[in-house]
């Protein structure tokens, strides 16, 4: 009999984003990405892949008893040296001949199973009294690893396995995903401090600051469910998405050797961290002075992406912050910014951004924080088509527009708008023609609403047009 089998990593918050340790976060994320590949390799004579990406794997197989195959996959996942520390839902669905109906039934089984199991993988019982893990501060510390300043750090087995995988995977990921063998010999910055540290005078103000970029496809799941009416179409959709992402990552890696600011201080390593990959989600971390360029390059690459003639658009969220900001909270904020862009329009490539001098206000919630600080929630949602104009116009504006005056105007706009606009008009009258032309170009990008225009220029002053 023909069956479909799905495995899905669930409860990511307790396996990927339960620490601020970079190698652990990376390792957890990529272990889930590789789970379907690992299962596919172990059962290569039984399971035929349909779709593998992010934390999900969908397979088809033939068997007299489908339950036996499902139970064996569960057993492997629960005993695998690394994967046993994650939580997975696994189930099967007989092939009824209606692929879309079978797919939905299988998803329902997975969700039901997820609701019935613990939110994290419970560690094995230990008889030896121990402290809690110094990294996740939850699981028992049963082993040790080199910590800060090479001092031993007591950690849980889950953290140890994930961080080991994260360190090993980091150097191989880019070569594996792009198929470019020379990347196997290139090293990447090992932590956020190395990624963001710079001695270059042009970026001195952005030393130890990073850009966290989250990208999410607009309605990719609904599009796939509507158009992929059989296994072959599902495989083609999966293949096309993989090739598109491969091209975008390759384009990003191609520009790095041409620009010294992509290389860290000695020993020289590329300044790029990938924390989410697969499916229709990407999470990149780059130096703050490369955030705008990275996002602009992705949107330029993805502008031509289509599926069955329908353009594929992405919502983006970009957070500029200090390198030691808690990554799980910054990632959550980037997702919220992306959602804000989605709410504005899903038919265009839109993104929202924010600049954090501190991360204290995140706890308020994004919309509440934006409303309190700026009096609006959609002021920083931008169209990716305008990124190139902003990139070139902002340096021209800076030539004769006094930054001190801009800050004074911004501070007065909320409560003394009329006086602020009067002061702004005086400044505009004193600009040279190049800067004035740049002002009107930026007005076309940010809108002619004076607060939106001034706030965006002030926020992006140090981050765009470098």
Protein backbone atom coordinates (compact mmCIF):
# COMPACT_ATOMS: atom_id res chain seq x y z
CA UNK A 1 0.00 0.00 0.00
CA UNK A 2 1.17 3.57 -0.70
CA UNK A 3 1.67 6.00 2.18
CA UNK A 4 2.88 9.51 2.92
CA UNK A 5 5.08 10.14 5.96
CA UNK A 6 5.85 13.52 7.49
CA UNK A 7 8.39 14.43 10.14
CA UNK A 8 8.42 17.91 11.61
CA UNK A 9 10.57 19.54 14.24
CA UNK A 10 8.23 21.36 16.64
CA UNK A 11 8.56 23.67 19.64
CA UNK A 12 11.56 25.49 18.18
CA UNK A 13 11.70 27.92 21.09
CA UNK A 14 13.02 25.14 23.32
CA UNK A 15 15.61 23.80 20.90
CA UNK A 16 16.83 26.75 18.84
CA UNK A 17 16.03 29.99 20.67
CA UNK A 18 16.36 28.90 24.29
CA UNK A 19 19.86 30.41 24.65
CA UNK A 20 21.86 33.43 23.48
CA UNK A 21 24.85 31.23 22.69
CA UNK A 22 25.52 31.60 18.97
CA UNK A 23 26.92 28.14 18.24
CA UNK A 24 24.01 26.54 20.14
CA UNK A 25 21.39 28.57 18.25
CA UNK A 26 23.07 27.80 14.93
CA UNK A 27 23.44 24.12 15.77
CA UNK A 28 19.82 23.75 16.83
CA UNK A 29 18.56 25.48 13.70
CA UNK A 30 20.65 23.41 11.31
CA UNK A 31 20.02 20.13 13.10
CA UNK A 32 16.32 20.67 12.42
CA UNK A 33 17.13 21.61 8.82
CA UNK A 34 19.13 18.40 8.40
CA UNK A 35 16.72 16.10 10.26
CA UNK A 36 14.79 15.20 7.10
CA UNK A 37 18.06 14.55 5.24
CA UNK A 38 19.33 12.33 8.06
CA UNK A 39 16.12 10.30 8.10
CA UNK A 40 16.13 10.14 4.31
CA UNK A 41 19.65 8.72 4.31
CA UNK A 42 18.89 6.15 6.99
CA UNK A 43 15.73 4.99 5.19
CA UNK A 44 16.98 5.57 1.64
CA UNK A 45 15.68 2.17 0.50
CA UNK A 46 12.20 2.84 1.90
CA UNK A 47 11.39 6.57 1.89
CA UNK A 48 11.26 8.66 -1.28
CA UNK A 49 11.57 12.42 -0.57
CA UNK A 50 8.88 14.77 -1.78
CA UNK A 51 9.77 17.94 0.10
CA UNK A 52 12.55 18.62 2.62
CA UNK A 53 13.22 22.04 4.04
CA UNK A 54 13.36 24.03 7.25
CA UNK A 55 12.26 21.61 9.98
CA UNK A 56 9.94 19.48 7.85
CA UNK A 57 10.30 16.40 5.68
CA UNK A 58 7.58 14.85 3.53
CA UNK A 59 8.12 11.39 2.04
CA UNK A 60 6.22 8.67 0.24
CA UNK A 61 6.72 4.94 0.65
CA UNK A 62 5.19 1.53 0.04
CA UNK A 63 4.64 -1.00 2.81
CA UNK A 64 2.22 -3.65 3.93
CA UNK A 65 2.05 -1.98 7.36
CA UNK A 66 2.71 1.77 7.37
CA UNK A 67 2.62 1.95 11.16
CA UNK A 68 5.81 -0.12 11.40
CA UNK A 69 7.74 2.37 9.25
CA UNK A 70 6.38 5.32 11.24
CA UNK A 71 7.31 3.71 14.55
CA UNK A 72 10.84 2.95 13.36
CA UNK A 73 11.34 6.58 12.25
CA UNK A 74 10.13 7.71 15.67
CA UNK A 75 12.54 5.33 17.35
CA UNK A 76 15.48 6.63 15.33
CA UNK A 77 14.62 10.24 16.14
CA UNK A 78 14.28 9.50 19.85
CA UNK A 79 17.61 7.66 20.05
CA UNK A 80 19.76 9.62 17.58
CA UNK A 81 22.76 11.12 19.37
CA UNK A 82 21.84 14.68 18.37
CA UNK A 83 18.22 14.69 17.23
CA UNK A 84 16.91 13.10 20.43
CA UNK A 85 17.32 16.48 22.12
CA UNK A 86 14.66 18.03 19.84
CA UNK A 87 10.93 17.34 19.74
CA UNK A 88 9.46 15.85 16.56
CA UNK A 89 6.01 14.93 15.39
CA UNK A 90 5.87 11.97 12.99
CA UNK A 91 2.85 10.43 11.32
CA UNK A 92 1.61 8.73 8.17
CA UNK A 93 -1.37 9.02 5.83
CA UNK A 94 -2.56 6.37 3.35
CA UNK A 95 -2.53 7.55 -0.27
CA UNK A 96 -6.20 7.95 -1.22
CA UNK A 97 -5.48 9.38 -4.68
CA UNK A 98 -6.31 12.96 -3.63
CA UNK A 99 -2.91 14.46 -2.84
CA UNK A 100 -4.13 17.76 -1.43
CA UNK A 101 -6.63 16.05 0.85
CA UNK A 102 -4.00 13.57 2.03
CA UNK A 103 -1.55 16.39 2.71
CA UNK A 104 -4.07 18.27 4.84
CA UNK A 105 -5.01 15.13 6.75
CA UNK A 106 -1.34 14.49 7.48
CA UNK A 107 -0.83 18.04 8.72
CA UNK A 108 -3.81 17.67 11.04
CA UNK A 109 -2.30 14.49 12.48
CA UNK A 110 1.01 16.28 13.04
CA UNK A 111 -0.64 19.20 14.83
CA UNK A 112 -2.69 16.86 16.99
CA UNK A 113 0.43 14.93 17.91
CA UNK A 114 2.30 18.12 18.74
CA UNK A 115 -0.43 19.18 21.17
CA UNK A 116 -0.14 15.84 22.97
CA UNK A 117 3.58 15.87 23.69
CA UNK A 118 5.83 17.93 25.98
CA UNK A 119 7.15 21.23 24.66
CA UNK A 120 10.75 20.07 25.05
CA UNK A 121 12.66 16.79 24.94
CA UNK A 122 12.94 15.62 28.54
CA UNK A 123 16.57 14.74 29.36
CA UNK A 124 17.36 11.19 30.44
CA UNK A 125 17.24 10.46 34.18
CA UNK A 126 20.52 11.01 35.98
CA UNK A 127 21.39 9.72 39.44
CA UNK A 128 24.23 12.15 40.05
CA UNK A 129 23.35 15.46 41.75
CA UNK A 130 24.27 18.33 39.45
CA UNK A 131 23.84 22.06 38.83
CA UNK A 132 21.75 23.51 36.05
CA UNK A 133 23.26 24.23 32.62
CA UNK A 134 25.18 27.52 32.54
CA UNK A 135 23.93 28.24 29.01
CA UNK A 136 20.26 27.26 28.80
CA UNK A 137 19.75 27.56 32.60
CA UNK A 138 17.14 24.83 32.48
CA UNK A 139 18.49 21.35 31.81
CA UNK A 140 20.90 19.52 34.16
CA UNK A 141 24.59 20.21 33.52
CA UNK A 142 25.98 16.74 32.80
CA UNK A 143 29.07 17.67 30.80
CA UNK A 144 31.47 20.54 30.15
CA UNK A 145 32.83 22.52 27.24
CA UNK A 146 35.34 25.38 26.86
CA UNK A 147 33.63 28.58 27.94
CA UNK A 148 34.64 32.27 27.98
CA UNK A 149 38.40 32.74 28.24
CA UNK A 150 38.70 28.95 27.74
CA UNK A 151 37.45 28.25 31.24
CA UNK A 152 35.37 25.05 31.60
CA UNK A 153 31.65 25.69 31.36
CA UNK A 154 29.13 23.23 32.78
CA UNK A 155 26.44 22.56 30.20
CA UNK A 156 23.61 20.19 29.41
CA UNK A 157 24.07 17.41 26.88
CA UNK A 158 21.56 19.21 24.63
CA UNK A 159 23.65 22.38 24.57
CA UNK A 160 26.86 20.42 24.06
CA UNK A 161 25.50 18.49 21.06
CA UNK A 162 23.94 21.55 19.47
CA UNK A 163 26.97 23.79 19.93
CA UNK A 164 29.29 21.10 18.54
CA UNK A 165 27.08 20.74 15.50
CA UNK A 166 26.87 24.50 15.09
CA UNK A 167 30.63 24.92 15.10
CA UNK A 168 31.18 22.06 12.65
CA UNK A 169 28.34 23.05 10.34
CA UNK A 170 29.32 26.70 10.10
CA UNK A 171 32.34 26.10 7.87
CA UNK A 172 30.57 23.61 5.60
CA UNK A 173 27.16 25.19 5.19
CA UNK A 174 27.93 27.69 2.43
CA UNK A 175 29.82 25.19 0.29
CA UNK A 176 27.05 22.61 0.67
CA UNK A 177 24.21 25.02 -0.13
CA UNK A 178 25.84 26.69 -3.14
CA UNK A 179 27.84 23.76 -4.51
CA UNK A 180 30.96 25.93 -4.74
CA UNK A 181 33.90 23.85 -3.60
CA UNK A 182 36.24 26.79 -2.98
CA UNK A 183 34.02 27.94 -0.11
CA UNK A 184 35.08 24.91 1.90
CA UNK A 185 38.43 26.67 2.47
CA UNK A 186 36.94 30.02 3.50
CA UNK A 187 36.32 30.78 7.15
CA UNK A 188 33.48 32.85 8.59
CA UNK A 189 33.40 34.99 11.72
CA UNK A 190 32.97 32.72 14.73
CA UNK A 191 30.87 35.05 16.92
CA UNK A 192 28.98 38.34 16.79
CA UNK A 193 31.85 40.25 18.37
CA UNK A 194 34.25 39.22 15.61
CA UNK A 195 31.53 39.75 12.99
CA UNK A 196 30.93 43.37 14.06
CA UNK A 197 34.34 44.55 15.25
CA UNK A 198 36.00 47.03 12.88
CA UNK A 199 38.95 49.38 12.82
CA UNK A 200 37.97 50.97 9.50
CA UNK A 201 37.49 54.75 10.00
CA UNK A 202 34.43 54.85 7.71
CA UNK A 203 32.52 52.51 10.02
CA UNK A 204 33.93 53.57 13.39
CA UNK A 205 30.47 54.66 14.65
CA UNK A 206 29.09 51.21 13.86
CA UNK A 207 31.77 49.22 15.64
CA UNK A 208 30.16 46.21 17.39
CA UNK A 209 26.77 46.87 15.80
CA UNK A 210 24.96 44.34 13.64
CA UNK A 211 21.99 44.04 11.31
CA UNK A 212 19.64 41.10 11.88
CA UNK A 213 17.65 40.42 8.71
CA UNK A 214 14.60 38.18 8.58
CA UNK A 215 12.87 37.34 5.29
CA UNK A 216 9.62 35.44 4.85
CA UNK A 217 7.75 34.54 1.68
CA UNK A 218 4.37 36.20 1.20
CA UNK A 219 1.77 33.47 0.95
CA UNK A 220 4.16 30.80 -0.32
CA UNK A 221 2.41 28.11 1.71
CA UNK A 222 -1.04 28.99 0.38
CA UNK A 223 0.31 29.18 -3.15
CA UNK A 224 1.94 25.76 -2.82
CA UNK A 225 -1.21 24.21 -1.35
CA UNK A 226 -3.36 25.64 -4.13
CA UNK A 227 -1.14 24.78 -7.09
CA UNK A 228 0.70 21.61 -6.01
CA UNK A 229 -2.07 19.13 -6.72
CA UNK A 230 0.24 16.15 -7.04
CA UNK A 231 3.60 14.88 -5.85
CA UNK A 232 5.47 15.94 -9.00
CA UNK A 233 4.32 19.55 -8.69
CA UNK A 234 5.25 19.53 -5.00
CA UNK A 235 8.75 18.33 -5.89
CA UNK A 236 9.08 20.98 -8.60
CA UNK A 237 8.00 23.74 -6.21
CA UNK A 238 10.53 22.52 -3.64
CA UNK A 239 13.27 22.37 -6.29
CA UNK A 240 12.55 25.88 -7.58
CA UNK A 241 12.62 27.41 -4.09
CA UNK A 242 15.93 25.67 -3.37
CA UNK A 243 17.48 26.96 -6.59
CA UNK A 244 16.23 30.50 -5.96
CA UNK A 245 17.73 30.56 -2.46
CA UNK A 246 20.96 29.07 -3.78
CA UNK A 247 21.25 31.88 -6.35
CA UNK A 248 20.62 34.58 -3.72
CA UNK A 249 23.19 33.15 -1.32
CA UNK A 250 25.73 32.76 -4.12
CA UNK A 251 25.24 36.38 -5.19
CA UNK A 252 25.83 37.55 -1.62
CA UNK A 253 28.99 35.48 -1.27
CA UNK A 254 30.26 36.70 -4.65
CA UNK A 255 30.44 40.35 -3.57
CA UNK A 256 32.44 39.67 -0.41
CA UNK A 257 35.93 39.15 -1.89
CA UNK A 258 35.58 42.47 -3.74
CA UNK A 259 35.05 44.54 -0.58
CA UNK A 260 37.46 44.54 2.36
CA UNK A 261 34.74 45.68 4.77
CA UNK A 262 33.17 42.20 4.47
CA UNK A 263 36.31 40.75 6.09
CA UNK A 264 36.78 40.75 9.85
CA UNK A 265 39.84 42.11 11.59
CA UNK A 266 42.76 39.63 11.50
CA UNK A 267 42.48 36.71 11.26
CA UNK A 268 40.40 37.58 8.20
CA UNK A 269 37.01 35.88 8.06
CA UNK A 270 33.82 36.63 6.15
CA UNK A 271 31.27 38.60 8.17
CA UNK A 272 28.12 36.57 7.63
CA UNK A 273 25.99 34.41 9.92
CA UNK A 274 23.03 32.33 8.73
CA UNK A 275 20.67 31.24 11.51
CA UNK A 276 17.61 30.20 9.50
CA UNK A 277 17.55 28.59 6.08
CA UNK A 278 15.08 26.47 4.20
CA UNK A 279 11.39 26.66 3.51
CA UNK A 280 10.56 30.30 2.77
CA UNK A 281 12.37 31.83 5.75
CA UNK A 282 15.89 33.26 6.01
CA UNK A 283 17.65 34.80 9.00
CA UNK A 284 20.97 36.52 8.31
CA UNK A 285 23.22 38.50 10.62
CA UNK A 286 25.76 40.88 9.07
CA UNK A 287 27.67 43.96 10.27
CA UNK A 288 25.44 47.01 10.64
CA UNK A 289 27.26 48.75 7.78
CA UNK A 290 26.32 45.85 5.46
CA UNK A 291 22.67 45.45 6.45
CA UNK A 292 21.24 47.77 3.81
CA UNK A 293 23.42 46.30 1.05
CA UNK A 294 22.53 42.73 2.01
CA UNK A 295 18.80 43.31 2.05
CA UNK A 296 18.94 45.33 -1.16
CA UNK A 297 20.88 42.57 -2.90
CA UNK A 298 18.36 39.92 -1.82
CA UNK A 299 15.42 41.91 -3.14
CA UNK A 300 17.24 42.58 -6.41
CA UNK A 301 17.90 38.85 -6.78
CA UNK A 302 14.36 37.79 -5.86
CA UNK A 303 12.56 40.37 -7.99
CA UNK A 304 12.35 37.90 -10.92
CA UNK A 305 11.28 34.86 -8.89
CA UNK A 306 8.00 33.31 -9.98
CA UNK A 307 5.96 30.14 -9.59
CA UNK A 308 3.69 29.20 -12.45
CA UNK A 309 3.75 32.80 -13.65
CA UNK A 310 2.93 34.33 -10.25
CA UNK A 311 5.59 36.67 -8.76
CA UNK A 312 7.07 35.54 -5.46
CA UNK A 313 7.34 38.38 -2.98
CA UNK A 314 8.98 38.58 0.45
CA UNK A 315 8.29 40.56 3.58
CA UNK A 316 11.40 41.59 5.46
CA UNK A 317 12.32 42.75 8.94
CA UNK A 318 15.69 44.36 9.73
CA UNK A 319 16.96 45.29 13.19
CA UNK A 320 20.10 47.35 13.73
CA UNK A 321 21.41 46.70 17.23
CA UNK A 322 24.45 46.09 19.41
CA UNK A 323 26.24 42.78 18.95
CA UNK A 324 25.44 41.57 22.48
CA UNK A 325 21.68 42.14 22.26
CA UNK A 326 19.83 38.87 23.06
CA UNK A 327 19.52 37.15 19.71
CA UNK A 328 16.27 35.33 20.46
CA UNK A 329 14.55 38.63 21.28
CA UNK A 330 16.07 40.41 18.29
CA UNK A 331 14.96 37.58 16.01
CA UNK A 332 11.44 37.85 17.44
CA UNK A 333 11.47 41.60 16.78
CA UNK A 334 12.64 41.07 13.19
CA UNK A 335 9.73 38.65 12.66
CA UNK A 336 7.29 41.22 14.06
CA UNK A 337 8.69 43.83 11.66
CA UNK A 338 8.20 41.41 8.79
CA UNK A 339 4.61 40.84 9.88
CA UNK A 340 4.12 44.61 9.88
CA UNK A 341 5.27 44.70 6.25
CA UNK A 342 2.90 41.84 5.39
CA UNK A 343 -0.02 43.71 6.92
CA UNK A 344 0.73 46.69 4.69
CA UNK A 345 0.80 44.76 1.39
CA UNK A 346 1.61 41.19 0.36
CA UNK A 347 1.83 41.86 -3.38
CA UNK A 348 5.02 43.91 -3.11
CA UNK A 349 8.47 43.42 -1.66
CA UNK A 350 8.12 45.46 1.52
CA UNK A 351 10.24 45.51 4.66
CA UNK A 352 10.20 47.27 8.00
CA UNK A 353 13.22 48.19 10.08
CA UNK A 354 14.14 49.63 13.43
CA UNK A 355 17.27 50.95 15.08
CA UNK A 356 17.87 49.92 18.70
CA UNK A 357 20.24 51.91 20.82
CA UNK A 358 19.04 49.69 23.65
CA UNK A 359 16.64 46.75 23.64
CA UNK A 360 14.72 47.67 26.78
CA UNK A 361 11.55 48.71 24.97
CA UNK A 362 11.08 45.41 23.12
CA UNK A 363 9.10 44.08 26.04
CA UNK A 364 6.32 46.55 25.26
CA UNK A 365 5.55 44.85 21.98
CA UNK A 366 6.48 46.34 18.63
CA UNK A 367 3.31 48.25 17.82
CA UNK A 368 3.07 49.76 21.29
CA UNK A 369 6.72 50.86 21.16
CA UNK A 370 6.37 52.42 17.70
CA UNK A 371 3.16 54.20 18.68
CA UNK A 372 4.77 55.58 21.83
CA UNK A 373 7.96 56.75 20.16
CA UNK A 374 6.68 57.97 16.80
CA UNK A 375 2.90 58.23 17.00
CA UNK A 376 2.40 55.70 14.17
CA UNK A 377 3.12 52.03 13.48
CA UNK A 378 3.70 51.92 9.71
CA UNK A 379 6.18 54.78 9.39
CA UNK A 380 9.15 52.48 8.86
CA UNK A 381 7.60 50.12 6.31
CA UNK A 382 9.46 50.71 3.05
CA UNK A 383 9.23 49.44 -0.50
CA UNK A 384 12.33 47.52 -1.57
CA UNK A 385 12.12 49.23 -4.98
CA UNK A 386 13.22 52.46 -3.28
CA UNK A 387 16.34 51.05 -1.64
CA UNK A 388 18.67 52.02 -4.48
CA UNK A 389 17.37 55.60 -4.54
CA UNK A 390 17.75 55.93 -0.77
CA UNK A 391 21.26 54.48 -1.04
CA UNK A 392 22.37 57.17 -3.49
CA UNK A 393 20.30 60.14 -2.29
CA UNK A 394 21.17 59.99 1.41
CA UNK A 395 24.90 60.78 0.93
CA UNK A 396 23.97 63.75 -1.28
CA UNK A 397 21.61 65.09 1.38
CA UNK A 398 24.29 64.77 4.07
CA UNK A 399 26.59 67.12 2.17
CA UNK A 400 24.83 70.29 3.35
CA UNK A 401 21.99 69.20 5.68
CA UNK A 402 23.24 69.70 9.27
CA UNK A 403 22.66 66.55 11.31
CA UNK A 404 22.31 68.58 14.49
CA UNK A 405 19.42 70.49 12.95
CA UNK A 406 17.78 67.27 11.82
CA UNK A 407 17.82 65.93 15.38
CA UNK A 408 16.37 69.16 16.72
CA UNK A 409 13.54 68.99 14.19
CA UNK A 410 12.85 65.33 14.95
CA UNK A 411 12.62 66.01 18.68
CA UNK A 412 10.08 68.81 18.14
CA UNK A 413 7.89 67.08 15.55
CA UNK A 414 5.77 65.10 18.00
CA UNK A 415 4.66 68.02 20.14
CA UNK A 416 5.56 71.17 18.20
CA UNK A 417 4.95 70.13 14.62
CA UNK A 418 4.22 73.58 13.24
CA UNK A 419 7.41 75.05 14.73
CA UNK A 420 9.41 72.02 13.59
CA UNK A 421 8.16 72.33 10.01
CA UNK A 422 8.98 76.04 10.01
CA UNK A 423 12.53 75.25 11.11
CA UNK A 424 12.76 72.54 8.46
CA UNK A 425 11.76 74.94 5.70
CA UNK A 426 14.51 77.31 6.81
CA UNK A 427 17.06 74.50 6.56
CA UNK A 428 15.79 73.46 3.12
CA UNK A 429 16.24 77.00 1.84
CA UNK A 430 19.91 76.85 2.81
CA UNK A 431 20.70 73.53 1.06
CA UNK A 432 22.68 73.44 -2.15
CA UNK A 433 20.94 72.10 -5.25
CA UNK A 434 22.41 68.60 -4.94
CA UNK A 435 21.18 68.16 -1.38
CA UNK A 436 17.80 69.69 -2.20
CA UNK A 437 17.33 67.31 -5.13
CA UNK A 438 18.23 64.46 -2.79
CA UNK A 439 15.60 65.65 -0.30
CA UNK A 440 12.87 65.42 -2.92
CA UNK A 441 14.06 62.00 -4.05
CA UNK A 442 13.84 60.79 -0.46
CA UNK A 443 10.42 62.38 -0.18
CA UNK A 444 9.27 60.12 -3.03
CA UNK A 445 10.58 57.11 -1.10
CA UNK A 446 9.37 57.90 2.42
CA UNK A 447 6.26 59.91 1.54
CA UNK A 448 5.54 63.62 1.90
CA UNK A 449 4.43 63.22 5.51
CA UNK A 450 6.99 65.38 7.29
CA UNK A 451 7.41 63.21 10.43
CA UNK A 452 7.83 60.02 8.37
CA UNK A 453 10.35 61.70 6.09
CA UNK A 454 12.43 63.19 8.91
CA UNK A 455 12.28 60.14 11.18
CA UNK A 456 13.44 57.79 8.39
CA UNK A 457 16.28 60.06 7.36
CA UNK A 458 17.41 60.40 10.98
CA UNK A 459 17.22 56.65 11.64
CA UNK A 460 19.04 55.64 8.44
CA UNK A 461 21.68 58.38 8.59
CA UNK A 462 24.38 55.99 9.82
CA UNK A 463 23.11 52.82 8.14
CA UNK A 464 22.31 53.55 4.48
CA UNK A 465 24.32 55.26 1.76
CA UNK A 466 27.65 54.43 3.37
